[in-house]
Amino acid sequence: MDVREGRGGEVSDGVERALGRPPRSFETYVAEAAAAGCWS
């Protein structure tokens, strides 16, 4: 249960190292994709 709820997890920089940019929230992704017309 702890892992599922995010307790005891470590924050890492894996996304930034892999993609060369900081991570973004799902909400930000959806807003940007919708503004770009991805689902039009």
N, C-alpha and C. Protein backbone atom coordinates (compact mmCIF):
# COMPACT_ATOMS: atom_id res chain seq x y z
N MET A 1 0.83 -1.20 0.00
CA MET A 1 0.00 0.00 0.00
C MET A 1 0.87 1.25 0.00
N ASP A 2 2.00 1.24 0.68
CA ASP A 2 2.85 2.42 0.75
C ASP A 2 3.33 2.86 -0.62
N VAL A 3 3.75 1.92 -1.44
CA VAL A 3 4.27 2.27 -2.77
C VAL A 3 3.16 2.89 -3.61
N ARG A 4 1.99 2.30 -3.59
CA ARG A 4 0.88 2.80 -4.38
C ARG A 4 0.50 4.22 -3.97
N GLU A 5 0.64 4.54 -2.70
CA GLU A 5 0.29 5.87 -2.20
C GLU A 5 1.46 6.83 -2.25
N GLY A 6 2.61 6.39 -2.74
CA GLY A 6 3.75 7.27 -2.89
C GLY A 6 4.60 7.45 -1.66
N ARG A 7 4.33 6.71 -0.62
CA ARG A 7 5.14 6.83 0.60
C ARG A 7 6.42 6.02 0.44
N GLY A 8 7.50 6.61 0.89
CA GLY A 8 8.77 5.90 0.86
C GLY A 8 9.45 5.93 -0.49
N GLY A 9 8.84 6.58 -1.47
CA GLY A 9 9.43 6.66 -2.80
C GLY A 9 10.49 7.75 -2.86
N GLU A 10 11.42 7.57 -3.73
CA GLU A 10 12.46 8.56 -3.92
C GLU A 10 12.19 9.34 -5.21
N VAL A 11 12.45 10.63 -5.16
CA VAL A 11 12.32 11.46 -6.35
C VAL A 11 13.63 11.37 -7.10
N SER A 12 13.54 11.12 -8.40
CA SER A 12 14.75 11.03 -9.20
C SER A 12 14.64 11.98 -10.39
N ASP A 13 15.71 12.11 -11.11
CA ASP A 13 15.74 12.99 -12.27
C ASP A 13 15.71 12.20 -13.58
N GLY A 14 15.15 11.01 -13.55
CA GLY A 14 15.14 10.14 -14.72
C GLY A 14 14.45 10.74 -15.94
N VAL A 15 13.31 11.40 -15.74
CA VAL A 15 12.60 11.99 -16.87
C VAL A 15 13.45 13.08 -17.50
N GLU A 16 13.99 13.94 -16.68
CA GLU A 16 14.80 15.04 -17.20
C GLU A 16 16.05 14.53 -17.92
N ARG A 17 16.67 13.51 -17.37
CA ARG A 17 17.87 12.96 -18.02
C ARG A 17 17.51 12.29 -19.34
N ALA A 18 16.39 11.59 -19.38
CA ALA A 18 16.01 10.87 -20.60
C ALA A 18 15.50 11.81 -21.69
N LEU A 19 14.71 12.81 -21.31
CA LEU A 19 14.06 13.66 -22.30
C LEU A 19 14.75 15.00 -22.50
N GLY A 20 15.64 15.36 -21.60
CA GLY A 20 16.33 16.62 -21.72
C GLY A 20 15.48 17.82 -21.32
N ARG A 21 14.40 17.56 -20.60
CA ARG A 21 13.53 18.62 -20.10
C ARG A 21 12.92 18.17 -18.78
N PRO A 22 12.50 19.12 -17.96
CA PRO A 22 11.89 18.71 -16.69
C PRO A 22 10.54 18.03 -16.93
N PRO A 23 10.11 17.20 -16.00
CA PRO A 23 8.81 16.55 -16.15
C PRO A 23 7.68 17.58 -16.04
N ARG A 24 6.51 17.22 -16.55
CA ARG A 24 5.34 18.07 -16.42
C ARG A 24 4.17 17.23 -15.96
N SER A 25 3.19 17.87 -15.40
CA SER A 25 2.04 17.14 -14.88
C SER A 25 1.17 16.64 -16.03
N PHE A 26 0.34 15.68 -15.74
CA PHE A 26 -0.59 15.17 -16.74
C PHE A 26 -1.55 16.27 -17.18
N GLU A 27 -1.97 17.09 -16.22
CA GLU A 27 -2.87 18.20 -16.54
C GLU A 27 -2.24 19.16 -17.54
N THR A 28 -0.95 19.45 -17.37
CA THR A 28 -0.24 20.34 -18.29
C THR A 28 -0.15 19.70 -19.67
N TYR A 29 0.17 18.41 -19.71
CA TYR A 29 0.24 17.69 -20.98
C TYR A 29 -1.09 17.76 -21.73
N VAL A 30 -2.19 17.49 -21.03
CA VAL A 30 -3.49 17.50 -21.66
C VAL A 30 -3.85 18.89 -22.17
N ALA A 31 -3.59 19.91 -21.38
CA ALA A 31 -3.89 21.29 -21.79
C ALA A 31 -3.10 21.67 -23.03
N GLU A 32 -1.82 21.33 -23.06
CA GLU A 32 -0.97 21.65 -24.22
C GLU A 32 -1.40 20.87 -25.46
N ALA A 33 -1.73 19.60 -25.29
CA ALA A 33 -2.16 18.78 -26.42
C ALA A 33 -3.48 19.29 -26.98
N ALA A 34 -4.42 19.65 -26.10
CA ALA A 34 -5.70 20.16 -26.56
C ALA A 34 -5.53 21.49 -27.28
N ALA A 35 -4.69 22.36 -26.75
CA ALA A 35 -4.44 23.66 -27.39
C ALA A 35 -3.80 23.48 -28.77
N ALA A 36 -3.02 22.42 -28.93
CA ALA A 36 -2.37 22.16 -30.22
C ALA A 36 -3.33 21.47 -31.21
N GLY A 37 -4.54 21.13 -30.76
CA GLY A 37 -5.53 20.51 -31.64
C GLY A 37 -5.36 19.02 -31.83
N CYS A 38 -4.70 18.36 -30.90
CA CYS A 38 -4.45 16.91 -31.05
C CYS A 38 -5.73 16.09 -31.12
N TRP A 39 -6.80 16.54 -30.52
CA TRP A 39 -8.02 15.75 -30.49
C TRP A 39 -9.14 16.40 -31.29
N SER A 40 -8.77 17.25 -32.21
CA SER A 40 -9.79 17.92 -33.04
C SER A 40 -10.19 17.03 -34.20
